[in-house]
Protein backbone atom coordinates (compact mmCIF):
# COMPACT_ATOMS: atom_id res chain seq x y z
CA MET A 1 120.67 64.42 146.37
CA THR A 2 120.30 67.87 144.95
CA GLN A 3 117.11 69.77 144.51
CA HIS A 4 117.06 69.22 140.74
CA GLU A 5 117.53 65.46 140.90
CA GLY A 6 114.29 64.88 142.81
CA SER A 7 112.24 66.98 140.38
CA ALA A 8 113.80 65.59 137.18
CA ARG A 9 111.32 64.38 134.57
CA HIS A 10 111.63 61.41 132.35
CA ASP A 11 112.52 62.40 128.78
CA ASP A 12 109.64 60.41 127.33
CA GLN A 13 106.96 62.59 128.98
CA PRO A 14 106.16 65.97 127.44
CA PRO A 15 105.81 68.89 129.81
CA PRO A 16 102.23 69.81 130.64
CA ALA A 17 100.63 72.52 128.54
CA PRO A 18 100.48 75.85 130.33
CA GLU A 19 97.08 76.75 131.60
CA THR A 20 95.60 79.79 129.89
CA GLU A 21 92.45 81.70 130.41
CA ASP A 22 89.86 80.97 127.72
CA THR A 23 89.07 84.34 126.19
CA GLY A 24 87.69 82.96 122.95
CA LEU A 25 90.06 85.09 120.86
CA ALA A 26 92.08 82.14 119.61
CA ASP A 27 88.99 80.53 118.06
CA VAL A 28 87.94 83.61 116.10
CA ASP A 29 89.42 84.11 112.65
CA ARG A 30 90.13 87.71 111.84
CA PRO A 31 88.70 88.94 108.55
CA GLU A 32 91.20 89.32 105.74
CA GLY A 33 89.26 92.09 104.03
CA PRO A 34 91.49 94.94 105.27
CA ILE A 35 94.56 93.11 103.94
CA SER A 36 92.81 92.54 100.63
CA ALA A 37 91.88 96.22 100.48
CA ALA A 38 95.52 97.24 100.85
CA ILE A 39 96.66 94.76 98.20
CA ILE A 40 94.04 95.80 95.65
CA ALA A 41 94.61 99.51 96.37
CA ALA A 42 98.30 99.06 95.54
CA GLY A 43 97.29 97.59 92.19
CA ILE A 44 94.86 100.43 91.56
CA GLY A 45 97.58 102.98 92.36
CA ALA A 46 100.00 101.33 89.93
CA PHE A 47 97.30 101.19 87.26
CA ALA A 48 96.49 104.87 87.84
CA LEU A 49 100.13 105.83 87.26
CA GLY A 50 100.17 103.95 83.96
CA LEU A 51 96.83 105.46 82.97
CA PHE A 52 97.91 109.04 83.75
CA THR A 53 101.18 108.48 81.89
CA THR A 54 99.34 107.26 78.79
CA LEU A 55 96.70 110.01 79.00
CA ALA A 56 99.38 112.70 79.30
CA GLU A 57 101.03 111.40 76.15
CA ALA A 58 97.73 111.16 74.28
CA SER A 59 96.48 114.66 75.11
CA THR A 60 98.35 117.92 75.49
CA ASP A 61 95.48 119.28 77.59
CA VAL A 62 95.91 116.44 80.09
CA ALA A 63 99.70 116.89 80.06
CA ASP A 64 99.28 120.62 80.73
CA TRP A 65 96.80 119.93 83.55
CA LEU A 66 99.20 117.43 85.12
CA GLN A 67 102.11 119.88 85.00
CA TRP A 68 101.84 121.11 88.59
CA ASN A 69 105.50 122.02 88.82
CA ASP A 70 107.30 123.55 85.85
CA ARG A 71 110.69 122.08 86.78
CA VAL A 72 109.27 118.55 87.00
CA GLY A 73 106.71 118.74 84.21
CA PRO A 74 103.69 116.44 83.95
CA LEU A 75 105.42 113.83 86.11
CA SER A 76 104.51 115.87 89.19
CA GLY A 77 100.79 115.57 88.48
CA LYS A 78 101.00 111.94 87.35
CA THR A 79 102.62 110.73 90.55
CA LEU A 80 100.58 112.87 92.90
CA MET A 81 97.31 111.85 91.23
CA ALA A 82 98.36 108.19 91.40
CA VAL A 83 99.06 108.56 95.13
CA ILE A 84 95.68 110.25 95.65
CA VAL A 85 93.90 107.48 93.71
CA TRP A 86 95.78 104.86 95.77
CA LEU A 87 94.83 106.44 99.11
CA VAL A 88 91.19 107.01 98.19
CA SER A 89 90.82 103.49 96.79
CA TRP A 90 92.44 102.04 99.91
CA ALA A 91 89.97 103.87 102.18
CA VAL A 92 86.94 102.91 100.08
CA LEU A 93 88.02 99.27 99.74
CA HIS A 94 88.81 99.04 103.44
CA LEU A 95 85.27 100.12 104.26
CA ALA A 96 83.79 97.75 101.67
CA LEU A 97 85.88 94.68 102.57
CA ARG A 98 86.53 95.13 106.28
CA ASN A 99 84.31 92.21 107.36
CA LYS A 100 85.05 89.80 104.51
CA PRO A 101 86.60 86.57 105.82
CA ARG A 102 88.78 85.24 102.99
CA GLU A 103 89.67 87.48 100.09
CA THR A 104 93.48 87.63 99.86
CA GLY A 105 93.93 85.08 97.05
CA ARG A 106 91.51 86.86 94.78
CA ALA A 107 92.90 90.25 95.84
CA LEU A 108 96.43 89.21 94.91
CA THR A 109 95.30 88.10 91.46
CA VAL A 110 93.43 91.37 90.86
CA ALA A 111 96.38 93.42 92.11
CA LEU A 112 98.91 91.59 89.93
CA VAL A 113 96.78 92.19 86.82
CA LEU A 114 96.41 95.89 87.70
CA ILE A 115 100.13 96.25 88.39
CA ALA A 116 100.97 94.60 85.07
CA LEU A 117 98.63 96.99 83.25
CA GLY A 118 100.10 99.93 85.16
CA VAL A 119 103.65 98.95 84.25
CA LEU A 120 102.59 98.53 80.62
CA GLY A 121 101.17 102.07 80.66
CA THR A 122 104.53 103.50 81.70
CA PHE A 123 106.55 101.94 78.85
CA PRO A 124 107.38 104.49 76.15
CA THR A 125 106.74 101.99 73.34
CA PHE A 126 103.17 101.63 74.66
CA PHE A 127 102.21 105.18 75.59
CA GLN A 128 103.78 106.65 72.44
CA LEU A 129 101.22 104.68 70.43
CA PHE A 130 98.64 107.19 71.71
CA ALA A 131 100.67 110.31 70.92
CA PRO A 132 99.01 112.74 68.51
CA GLU A 133 100.61 112.69 65.08
């Protein structure tokens, strides 16, 4: 008889669960607020890009202000301002939502609406409606 034959288990018995130290961490749900903050901030950043694109088309003063690099034109200011808005909104929302338990479903809905509006603001057929005659 080999060593393994004597210690063989019957197939109908599950192996015992490993013993773990009870730290209480498994029972605590982590708040989803920081995740929600990141999701909503992405939507805000996309909306900001659409807004800056539309504003630059509607006003030559805004377009001139957003022209931070002559070779790139107003696109340089539009994208950098959108990134700044995204980062600031992410930080503010993280602080505001950091202890909220369940927010991701609502956050996704808000972000998708903001992204859709941001994409709309970058379409030429939309932003050219605001161009001065």
